[in-house]
Amino acid sequence: MATPEEMTATMVANLERKTGKTLAQWLVVTKASKLAKHGELVKLLKSEHGMTHGFANLVAHKTLASDAGSASDTDLVAAQYAGKKEALRPIYDALVAAVEGFGEDVVLAPKKAYVSLRRGKQFGLVQPSTATRVDVGLNLQGVPPTERLEASGSFNSMCTHRVRVSSKADIDAELKAWLKRAYDQS
């Protein structure tokens, strides 16, 4: 299975063949638009240039340097846990330690606002949502929500559930079991 970096490289390589322009040429177009939001750029590329969602998403991320490939993983994670969210870093570190124990095929893919937990495909994510809370998103098919294992709602459309974590003590056997189940399903 290709890594996220390999998949991005393949998309960049195919961009000119599929759209008639290189990534550099598309960046000129998007930067000239003066749009500053990811969704606005995707909409522009799809509606005015006939680009597919996948390519529009790629070009928008590259325009805004908001993808994992535009900054180092260390920089992205450090930025997430800077300032008012600095006290949350031990929670992130404990979650990562738990997840990495599931197998050697766990991949951490930092994004601008969260870290994707992957095993072939995304099975979860870790996001410092407020100055006092980390949200753990999970892809748990066929699992009904509970008071603690909430339906993801508007939290993140790439996850089915969310668990709010305010301290390392919240990373208990129940949360680890949900993470493991999501990992096993991926």
Foldseek 3Di string as FASTA:
>chain_A
DDDPVVVLVVCQVCVCVVQVDHLVVVLVVQVVVVDADLVVQLCCCCPVRVDDSVSSNSSSCVNNVFFCVSDPPVVQVCVQCDDLNVVCVVLVVLVVVLLVVLDPQWDWGGTNFWTFTDRPHGAWIWGPPDSQKIKIFGAAPPDDADPQFAQCPPVDPVGGTIGIDRDNVVCDPVVSVRSSNSVVVD
